C-alpha atoms as a PDB file:
ATOM      1  CA  MET A   1      35.477 -23.738  59.009  1.00  0.00           C
ATOM      2  CA  SER A   2      32.674 -23.205  56.445  1.00  0.00           C
ATOM      3  CA  SER A   3      32.362 -25.376  53.436  1.00  0.00           C
ATOM      4  CA  LEU A   4      31.878 -23.721  50.014  1.00  0.00           C
ATOM      5  CA  GLN A   5      28.637 -24.615  48.237  1.00  0.00           C
ATOM      6  CA  PRO A   6      29.160 -25.543  44.614  1.00  0.00           C
ATOM      7  CA  GLN A   7      27.457 -23.220  42.149  1.00  0.00           C
ATOM      8  CA  ASP A   8      24.445 -24.573  40.245  1.00  0.00           C
ATOM      9  CA  GLU A   9      25.456 -25.898  36.920  1.00  0.00           C
ATOM     10  CA  VAL A  10      23.805 -24.240  33.913  1.00  0.00           C
ATOM     11  CA  LYS A  11      21.897 -26.778  31.877  1.00  0.00           C
ATOM     12  CA  PRO A  12      22.492 -26.695  28.148  1.00  0.00           C
ATOM     13  CA  GLY A  13      19.605 -25.772  25.827  1.00  0.00           C
ATOM     14  CA  ALA A  14      16.461 -23.681  26.337  1.00  0.00           C
ATOM     15  CA  PRO A  15      14.760 -23.227  29.743  1.00  0.00           C
ATOM     16  CA  ASP A  16      12.066 -25.699  30.783  1.00  0.00           C
ATOM     17  CA  TRP A  17       9.236 -23.163  30.441  1.00  0.00           C
ATOM     18  CA  VAL A  18       9.857 -22.869  26.703  1.00  0.00           C
ATOM     19  CA  VAL A  19       8.529 -26.394  26.186  1.00  0.00           C
ATOM     20  CA  THR A  20       5.229 -25.550  27.893  1.00  0.00           C
ATOM     21  CA  PHE A  21       5.006 -22.281  25.985  1.00  0.00           C
ATOM     22  CA  GLY A  22       5.600 -24.053  22.691  1.00  0.00           C
ATOM     23  CA  ASP A  23       2.880 -26.603  23.443  1.00  0.00           C
ATOM     24  CA  MET A  24       0.409 -23.825  24.218  1.00  0.00           C
ATOM     25  CA  MET A  25       1.214 -21.973  20.975  1.00  0.00           C
ATOM     26  CA  SER A  26       0.800 -25.179  18.974  1.00  0.00           C
ATOM     27  CA  LEU A  27      -2.616 -25.791  20.531  1.00  0.00           C
ATOM     28  CA  LEU A  28      -3.726 -22.221  19.797  1.00  0.00           C
ATOM     29  CA  LEU A  29      -2.538 -22.494  16.203  1.00  0.00           C
ATOM     30  CA  THR A  30      -4.426 -25.776  15.768  1.00  0.00           C
ATOM     31  CA  PHE A  31      -7.553 -24.200  17.270  1.00  0.00           C
ATOM     32  CA  PHE A  32      -7.555 -21.263  14.865  1.00  0.00           C
ATOM     33  CA  VAL A  33      -6.795 -23.489  11.889  1.00  0.00           C
ATOM     34  CA  LEU A  34      -9.864 -25.559  12.786  1.00  0.00           C
ATOM     35  CA  LEU A  35     -11.979 -22.426  13.083  1.00  0.00           C
ATOM     36  CA  LEU A  36     -10.823 -21.308   9.645  1.00  0.00           C
ATOM     37  CA  SER A  37     -11.512 -24.711   8.125  1.00  0.00           C
ATOM     38  CA  PHE A  38     -15.090 -24.681   9.481  1.00  0.00           C
ATOM     39  CA  SER A  39     -15.802 -21.185   8.201  1.00  0.00           C
ATOM     40  CA  THR A  40     -16.798 -20.011   4.728  1.00  0.00           C
ATOM     41  CA  MET A  41     -14.367 -17.478   3.322  1.00  0.00           C
ATOM     42  CA  GLU A  42     -15.931 -14.772   1.164  1.00  0.00           C
ATOM     43  CA  ALA A  43     -13.589 -12.665  -0.928  1.00  0.00           C
ATOM     44  CA  ALA A  44     -15.557  -9.441  -0.483  1.00  0.00           C
ATOM     45  CA  ARG A  45     -15.871  -9.856   3.283  1.00  0.00           C
ATOM     46  CA  PHE A  46     -12.181 -10.703   3.528  1.00  0.00           C
ATOM     47  CA  LYS A  47     -11.261  -7.515   1.649  1.00  0.00           C
ATOM     48  CA  MET A  48     -13.517  -5.460   3.902  1.00  0.00           C
ATOM     49  CA  ILE A  49     -12.101  -6.910   7.142  1.00  0.00           C
ATOM     50  CA  SER A  50      -8.536  -6.590   5.866  1.00  0.00           C
ATOM     51  CA  GLY A  51      -9.252  -2.887   5.434  1.00  0.00           C
ATOM     52  CA  TYR A  52     -10.082  -2.595   9.122  1.00  0.00           C
ATOM     53  CA  MET A  53      -6.914  -4.454  10.020  1.00  0.00           C
ATOM     54  CA  ARG A  54      -4.718  -2.229   7.866  1.00  0.00           C
ATOM     55  CA  GLU A  55      -6.253   0.874   9.425  1.00  0.00           C
ATOM     56  CA  ALA A  56      -5.765  -0.539  12.925  1.00  0.00           C
ATOM     57  CA  PHE A  57      -2.041  -0.929  12.258  1.00  0.00           C
ATOM     58  CA  GLY A  58      -1.779   2.636  10.989  1.00  0.00           C
ATOM     59  CA  LEU A  59      -1.564   1.933   7.265  1.00  0.00           C
ATOM     60  CA  GLN A  60      -3.118   4.378   4.838  1.00  0.00           C
ATOM     61  CA  THR A  61      -5.878   3.029   2.592  1.00  0.00           C
ATOM     62  CA  GLU A  62      -7.987   4.529  -0.157  1.00  0.00           C
ATOM     63  CA  LYS A  63     -11.178   3.758   1.746  1.00  0.00           C
ATOM     64  CA  ASN A  64     -12.099   4.807   5.237  1.00  0.00           C
ATOM     65  CA  TYR A  65     -13.465   1.807   7.164  1.00  0.00           C
ATOM     66  CA  THR A  66     -15.060   3.434  10.171  1.00  0.00           C
ATOM     67  CA  GLY A  67     -17.828   0.972  10.997  1.00  0.00           C
ATOM     68  CA  ILE A  68     -17.565  -2.287  12.886  1.00  0.00           C
ATOM     69  CA  PRO A  69     -17.595  -5.434  10.713  1.00  0.00           C
ATOM     70  CA  MET A  70     -20.452  -7.705  11.704  1.00  0.00           C
ATOM     71  CA  GLY A  71     -20.857 -11.440  11.175  1.00  0.00           C
ATOM     72  CA  THR A  72     -23.536 -13.007   9.031  1.00  0.00           C
ATOM     73  CA  THR A  73     -26.546 -14.279  10.931  1.00  0.00           C
ATOM     74  CA  ILE A  74     -27.224 -17.999  10.648  1.00  0.00           C
ATOM     75  CA  LEU A  75     -30.972 -17.411  10.920  1.00  0.00           C
ATOM     76  CA  SER A  76     -31.543 -15.558   7.674  1.00  0.00           C
ATOM     77  CA  THR A  77     -29.588 -13.944   4.866  1.00  0.00           C
ATOM     78  CA  ASP A  78     -32.652 -12.385   3.244  1.00  0.00           C
ATOM     79  CA  ALA A  79     -32.943  -8.668   2.606  1.00  0.00           C
ATOM     80  CA  ARG A  80     -33.420  -6.576   5.712  1.00  0.00           C
ATOM     81  CA  GLN A  81     -32.693  -3.068   6.946  1.00  0.00           C
ATOM     82  CA  THR A  82     -29.157  -2.259   5.938  1.00  0.00           C
ATOM     83  CA  THR A  83     -26.855  -0.135   8.077  1.00  0.00           C
ATOM     84  CA  ASP A  84     -23.382  -1.730   7.980  1.00  0.00           C
ATOM     85  CA  PRO A  85     -21.042  -3.126   5.295  1.00  0.00           C
ATOM     86  CA  ALA A  86     -21.718  -6.745   6.221  1.00  0.00           C
ATOM     87  CA  ASP A  87     -25.453  -6.261   5.688  1.00  0.00           C
ATOM     88  CA  GLN A  88     -24.685  -4.507   2.409  1.00  0.00           C
ATOM     89  CA  ILE A  89     -22.854  -7.647   1.262  1.00  0.00           C
ATOM     90  CA  ASN A  90     -25.846  -9.771   2.267  1.00  0.00           C
ATOM     91  CA  LEU A  91     -28.111  -7.489   0.237  1.00  0.00           C
ATOM     92  CA  VAL A  92     -25.839  -7.890  -2.794  1.00  0.00           C
ATOM     93  CA  GLN A  93     -26.087 -11.671  -2.469  1.00  0.00           C
ATOM     94  CA  VAL A  94     -29.892 -11.549  -2.225  1.00  0.00           C
ATOM     95  CA  ILE A  95     -30.144  -9.360  -5.335  1.00  0.00           C
ATOM     96  CA  ARG A  96     -27.837 -11.628  -7.305  1.00  0.00           C
ATOM     97  CA  ARG A  97     -29.933 -14.645  -6.409  1.00  0.00           C
ATOM     98  CA  GLU A  98     -33.060 -12.873  -7.658  1.00  0.00           C
ATOM     99  CA  MET A  99     -31.305 -11.911 -10.899  1.00  0.00           C
ATOM    100  CA  GLU A 100     -30.282 -15.535 -11.405  1.00  0.00           C
ATOM    101  CA  LYS A 101     -33.863 -16.707 -10.794  1.00  0.00           C
ATOM    102  CA  ALA A 102     -35.071 -14.255 -13.451  1.00  0.00           C
ATOM    103  CA  GLY A 103     -32.316 -15.413 -15.824  1.00  0.00           C
ATOM    104  CA  MET A 104     -30.915 -11.889 -16.103  1.00  0.00           C
ATOM    105  CA  ASP A 105     -27.675 -12.163 -14.151  1.00  0.00           C
ATOM    106  CA  SER A 106     -25.674 -11.908 -17.395  1.00  0.00           C
ATOM    107  CA  ARG A 107     -27.367  -8.664 -18.432  1.00  0.00           C
ATOM    108  CA  GLY A 108     -26.808  -6.645 -15.314  1.00  0.00           C
ATOM    109  CA  LYS A 109     -24.480  -6.184 -12.388  1.00  0.00           C
ATOM    110  CA  VAL A 110     -24.576  -5.262  -8.724  1.00  0.00           C
ATOM    111  CA  LYS A 111     -22.117  -2.929  -7.037  1.00  0.00           C
ATOM    112  CA  MET A 112     -21.634  -1.725  -3.478  1.00  0.00           C
ATOM    113  CA  SER A 113     -20.500   1.792  -2.603  1.00  0.00           C
ATOM    114  CA  GLU A 114     -20.541   4.168   0.342  1.00  0.00           C
ATOM    115  CA  ALA A 115     -23.912   5.442  -0.933  1.00  0.00           C
ATOM    116  CA  GLY A 116     -25.504   1.981  -0.923  1.00  0.00           C
ATOM    117  CA  VAL A 117     -26.117  -0.968  -3.228  1.00  0.00           C
ATOM    118  CA  ALA A 118     -26.827  -0.303  -6.907  1.00  0.00           C
ATOM    119  CA  ILE A 119     -28.321  -2.571  -9.571  1.00  0.00           C
ATOM    120  CA  GLN A 120     -27.357  -1.742 -13.148  1.00  0.00           C
ATOM    121  CA  LEU A 121     -29.597  -3.220 -15.855  1.00  0.00           C
ATOM    122  CA  GLU A 122     -29.076  -2.927 -19.598  1.00  0.00           C
ATOM    123  CA  GLY A 123     -31.476  -0.435 -21.133  1.00  0.00           C
ATOM    124  CA  GLU A 124     -32.525  -2.908 -23.856  1.00  0.00           C
ATOM    125  CA  LEU A 125     -33.500  -5.378 -21.126  1.00  0.00           C
ATOM    126  CA  VAL A 126     -36.036  -2.989 -19.589  1.00  0.00           C
ATOM    127  CA  PHE A 127     -37.141  -0.749 -22.495  1.00  0.00           C
ATOM    128  CA  ASP A 128     -37.378  -0.846 -26.263  1.00  0.00           C
ATOM    129  CA  SER A 129     -35.300   1.675 -28.183  1.00  0.00           C
ATOM    130  CA  GLY A 130     -36.704   5.206 -27.802  1.00  0.00           C
ATOM    131  CA  SER A 131     -39.507   4.009 -25.485  1.00  0.00           C
ATOM    132  CA  SER A 132     -40.310   4.390 -21.785  1.00  0.00           C
ATOM    133  CA  VAL A 133     -42.748   1.465 -21.636  1.00  0.00           C
ATOM    134  CA  LEU A 134     -41.482  -1.395 -19.477  1.00  0.00           C
ATOM    135  CA  LYS A 135     -40.853  -4.650 -21.329  1.00  0.00           C
ATOM    136  CA  PRO A 136     -42.752  -7.687 -19.953  1.00  0.00           C
ATOM    137  CA  ILE A 137     -39.549  -9.743 -19.761  1.00  0.00           C
ATOM    138  CA  ALA A 138     -38.173  -7.373 -17.091  1.00  0.00           C
ATOM    139  CA  LEU A 139     -41.246  -7.374 -14.844  1.00  0.00           C
ATOM    140  CA  PRO A 140     -40.371 -10.462 -12.714  1.00  0.00           C
ATOM    141  CA  LEU A 141     -37.027  -8.933 -11.780  1.00  0.00           C
ATOM    142  CA  LEU A 142     -38.643  -5.556 -11.057  1.00  0.00           C
ATOM    143  CA  ASP A 143     -41.149  -7.340  -8.806  1.00  0.00           C
ATOM    144  CA  ALA A 144     -38.265  -8.864  -6.837  1.00  0.00           C
ATOM    145  CA  ILE A 145     -36.506  -5.495  -6.594  1.00  0.00           C
ATOM    146  CA  ALA A 146     -39.708  -3.912  -5.275  1.00  0.00           C
ATOM    147  CA  ASP A 147     -40.108  -6.626  -2.624  1.00  0.00           C
ATOM    148  CA  ILE A 148     -36.495  -6.147  -1.497  1.00  0.00           C
ATOM    149  CA  ALA A 149     -36.807  -2.348  -1.470  1.00  0.00           C
ATOM    150  CA  LYS A 150     -39.865  -2.462   0.799  1.00  0.00           C
ATOM    151  CA  ASN A 151     -37.776  -4.175   3.500  1.00  0.00           C
ATOM    152  CA  GLN A 152     -35.006  -1.561   3.448  1.00  0.00           C
ATOM    153  CA  SER A 153     -34.846   1.489   5.666  1.00  0.00           C
ATOM    154  CA  GLY A 154     -33.358   3.913   3.142  1.00  0.00           C
ATOM    155  CA  MET A 155     -34.477   5.518  -0.102  1.00  0.00           C
ATOM    156  CA  LEU A 156     -34.664   3.792  -3.473  1.00  0.00           C
ATOM    157  CA  GLU A 157     -33.341   5.959  -6.300  1.00  0.00           C
ATOM    158  CA  VAL A 158     -34.259   4.978  -9.857  1.00  0.00           C
ATOM    159  CA  GLU A 159     -31.903   6.443 -12.451  1.00  0.00           C
ATOM    160  CA  GLY A 160     -32.273   6.547 -16.225  1.00  0.00           C
ATOM    161  CA  HIS A 161     -29.159   6.803 -18.423  1.00  0.00           C
ATOM    162  CA  THR A 162     -28.645   7.025 -22.192  1.00  0.00           C
ATOM    163  CA  ASP A 163     -25.729   7.142 -24.613  1.00  0.00           C
ATOM    164  CA  ASP A 164     -24.676  10.273 -26.520  1.00  0.00           C
ATOM    165  CA  ILE A 165     -26.788   9.597 -29.636  1.00  0.00           C
ATOM    166  CA  PRO A 166     -29.772  12.006 -29.705  1.00  0.00           C
ATOM    167  CA  VAL A 167     -33.185  10.372 -29.493  1.00  0.00           C
ATOM    168  CA  SER A 168     -35.015  10.453 -32.819  1.00  0.00           C
ATOM    169  CA  ASN A 169     -38.762  10.611 -32.220  1.00  0.00           C
ATOM    170  CA  SER A 170     -41.387  13.271 -31.699  1.00  0.00           C
ATOM    171  CA  ARG A 171     -42.360  12.205 -28.174  1.00  0.00           C
ATOM    172  CA  TYR A 172     -39.025  12.936 -26.500  1.00  0.00           C
ATOM    173  CA  PRO A 173     -37.205  16.081 -27.668  1.00  0.00           C
ATOM    174  CA  SER A 174     -33.898  14.949 -26.137  1.00  0.00           C
ATOM    175  CA  ASN A 175     -32.234  12.228 -24.085  1.00  0.00           C
ATOM    176  CA  TRP A 176     -33.091  14.204 -20.938  1.00  0.00           C
ATOM    177  CA  GLU A 177     -36.810  13.612 -21.422  1.00  0.00           C
ATOM    178  CA  LEU A 178     -36.268   9.978 -22.430  1.00  0.00           C
ATOM    179  CA  SER A 179     -34.067   9.101 -19.444  1.00  0.00           C
ATOM    180  CA  SER A 180     -36.413  10.908 -17.035  1.00  0.00           C
ATOM    181  CA  ALA A 181     -39.473   9.167 -18.480  1.00  0.00           C
ATOM    182  CA  ARG A 182     -37.790   5.761 -18.140  1.00  0.00           C
ATOM    183  CA  ALA A 183     -36.815   6.423 -14.525  1.00  0.00           C
ATOM    184  CA  GLY A 184     -40.347   7.632 -13.780  1.00  0.00           C
ATOM    185  CA  SER A 185     -41.903   4.594 -15.429  1.00  0.00           C
ATOM    186  CA  ALA A 186     -39.776   2.188 -13.364  1.00  0.00           C
ATOM    187  CA  ALA A 187     -40.424   4.174 -10.172  1.00  0.00           C
ATOM    188  CA  ARG A 188     -44.173   4.149 -10.778  1.00  0.00           C
ATOM    189  CA  TYR A 189     -44.027   0.372 -11.199  1.00  0.00           C
ATOM    190  CA  MET A 190     -42.221   0.095  -7.848  1.00  0.00           C
ATOM    191  CA  ILE A 191     -44.979   2.174  -6.209  1.00  0.00           C
ATOM    192  CA  ASP A 192     -47.688  -0.001  -7.775  1.00  0.00           C
ATOM    193  CA  ARG A 193     -45.944  -3.002  -6.169  1.00  0.00           C
ATOM    194  CA  GLY A 194     -46.151  -1.489  -2.668  1.00  0.00           C
ATOM    195  CA  MET A 195     -43.084   0.749  -2.425  1.00  0.00           C
ATOM    196  CA  PRO A 196     -44.006   3.803  -0.252  1.00  0.00           C
ATOM    197  CA  PRO A 197     -43.909   6.888  -2.536  1.00  0.00           C
ATOM    198  CA  PRO A 198     -41.981   9.066   0.001  1.00  0.00           C
ATOM    199  CA  ARG A 199     -39.111   6.541  -0.112  1.00  0.00           C
ATOM    200  CA  ILE A 200     -38.572   6.511  -3.862  1.00  0.00           C
ATOM    201  CA  LYS A 201     -37.000   9.028  -6.210  1.00  0.00           C
ATOM    202  CA  ALA A 202     -36.733   9.005 -10.008  1.00  0.00           C
ATOM    203  CA  VAL A 203     -34.123  10.996 -11.908  1.00  0.00           C
ATOM    204  CA  GLY A 204     -32.867  11.086 -15.499  1.00  0.00           C
ATOM    205  CA  TYR A 205     -29.220  11.797 -16.277  1.00  0.00           C
ATOM    206  CA  ALA A 206     -29.333  11.502 -20.098  1.00  0.00           C
ATOM    207  CA  ASP A 207     -25.740  10.878 -21.276  1.00  0.00           C
ATOM    208  CA  THR A 208     -23.996  12.858 -18.522  1.00  0.00           C
ATOM    209  CA  ARG A 209     -22.853   9.850 -16.457  1.00  0.00           C
ATOM    210  CA  PRO A 210     -21.410   7.249 -18.834  1.00  0.00           C
ATOM    211  CA  ILE A 211     -19.647   4.207 -17.397  1.00  0.00           C
ATOM    212  CA  GLU A 212     -17.676   3.793 -20.634  1.00  0.00           C
ATOM    213  CA  ALA A 213     -16.543   6.250 -23.299  1.00  0.00           C
ATOM    214  CA  ASN A 214     -19.135   6.564 -26.080  1.00  0.00           C
ATOM    215  CA  THR A 215     -16.660   5.523 -28.745  1.00  0.00           C
ATOM    216  CA  ASN A 216     -18.282   2.351 -30.113  1.00  0.00           C
ATOM    217  CA  SER A 217     -21.570   0.449 -30.124  1.00  0.00           C
ATOM    218  CA  LYS A 218     -20.530  -1.884 -27.300  1.00  0.00           C
ATOM    219  CA  ASN A 219     -19.727   0.968 -24.914  1.00  0.00           C
ATOM    220  CA  ARG A 220     -22.912   2.789 -25.858  1.00  0.00           C
ATOM    221  CA  SER A 221     -24.950  -0.299 -25.032  1.00  0.00           C
ATOM    222  CA  LEU A 222     -23.380  -0.304 -21.552  1.00  0.00           C
ATOM    223  CA  ASN A 223     -24.194   3.364 -21.028  1.00  0.00           C
ATOM    224  CA  ARG A 224     -27.865   2.827 -21.953  1.00  0.00           C
ATOM    225  CA  ARG A 225     -28.978   1.503 -18.608  1.00  0.00           C
ATOM    226  CA  VAL A 226     -31.389   1.763 -15.689  1.00  0.00           C
ATOM    227  CA  GLU A 227     -30.017   1.805 -12.150  1.00  0.00           C
ATOM    228  CA  PHE A 228     -31.743   1.071  -8.847  1.00  0.00           C
ATOM    229  CA  LEU A 229     -29.812   2.446  -5.890  1.00  0.00           C
ATOM    230  CA  PHE A 230     -30.643   1.234  -2.389  1.00  0.00           C
ATOM    231  CA  VAL A 231     -29.486   4.315  -0.490  1.00  0.00           C
ATOM    232  CA  ARG A 232     -27.994   3.692   2.924  1.00  0.00           C
ATOM    233  CA  PRO A 233     -29.583   5.658   5.794  1.00  0.00           C
ATOM    234  CA  PRO A 234     -27.681   8.874   6.587  1.00  0.00           C
ATOM    235  CA  GLU A 235     -26.669   7.617  10.040  1.00  0.00           C
ATOM    236  CA  ALA A 236     -24.945   4.620   8.432  1.00  0.00           C
ATOM    237  CA  ARG A 237     -22.877   6.661   5.979  1.00  0.00           C
ATOM    238  CA  ASP A 238     -19.554   8.259   6.788  1.00  0.00           C
ATOM    239  CA  GLY A 239     -19.357  10.620   3.833  1.00  0.00           C
ATOM    240  CA  GLY A 240     -16.679   8.586   2.044  1.00  0.00           C
ATOM    241  CA  ASP A 241     -15.864   8.562  -1.628  1.00  0.00           C
ATOM    242  CA  PRO A 242     -18.655   6.861  -3.616  1.00  0.00           C
ATOM    243  CA  THR A 243     -16.188   4.750  -5.599  1.00  0.00           C
ATOM    244  CA  PRO A 244     -17.450   1.138  -5.602  1.00  0.00           C
ATOM    245  CA  LEU A 245     -15.927  -1.106  -2.945  1.00  0.00           C
ATOM    246  CA  ARG A 246     -16.785  -4.212  -4.912  1.00  0.00           C
ATOM    247  CA  LEU A 247     -17.707  -4.684  -8.550  1.00  0.00           C
ATOM    248  CA  ASP A 248     -17.570  -8.370  -9.439  1.00  0.00           C
ATOM    249  CA  ASP A 249     -20.203  -8.924 -12.107  1.00  0.00           C
ATOM    250  CA  ALA A 250     -19.663  -7.537 -15.578  1.00  0.00           C
ATOM    251  CA  PRO A 251     -22.616  -7.124 -17.958  1.00  0.00           C
ATOM    252  CA  ALA A 252     -22.645  -9.222 -21.069  1.00  0.00           C
ATOM    253  CA  PRO A 253     -22.026  -7.395 -24.368  1.00  0.00           C
ATOM    254  CA  SER A 254     -25.138  -6.500 -26.329  1.00  0.00           C
ATOM    255  CA  THR A 255     -25.842  -4.905 -29.667  1.00  0.00           C
ATOM    256  CA  ALA A 256     -27.681  -1.632 -30.071  1.00  0.00           C
ATOM    257  CA  PRO A 257     -31.203  -1.948 -31.472  1.00  0.00           C
END
């Protein structure tokens, strides 16, 4: 006669392995919290990386993040050859430091786009009204820009821009000649400071590319500007929309001369 074995009683509550699993998850969470606390969070880098994450999960974004985000080297954050968005951010930081050293950070701004990194300087900071002669006060900053440009692998484009008020002197028949002469003057200064001539281009746009509507004196002062564009090498560009990815600094208001 066989005896019946009693069935195993089911213990109340969660299985034993859940306790071990919970401990492991708590340790992992603590580890990543410590990593985050030891790191330096940069808003621009966070936005860039979040773009990669959104694309990875199949979400549509306005920008196409096709490169691989790279970390910042602990050896140097100075200007160097720029091929990826992280290096572009480093270049922006270097330029801003130089603008602060020259005391001109409130009269210009730096922006990053798919085309590269651009420095926008108020026209009155670099030139007198109706003139293409560089002002001495701007030369220290131009020296720093030239030194940075020499360490980049791409082109440096110097752009001259004006407002919609026609120039009133006999030397320049229109704003086209004035903007071109200003771009050429700044480009020639870059060459005199060691910038290889084949890697620099000067172009005048007159009043065809305003950043604000020419409706008042404040907006016109913003449109009268000189831009230095550090062009990314073609192999590092994905043909995206040139709308700025980051535009933090706003130029201080100025009055027209």
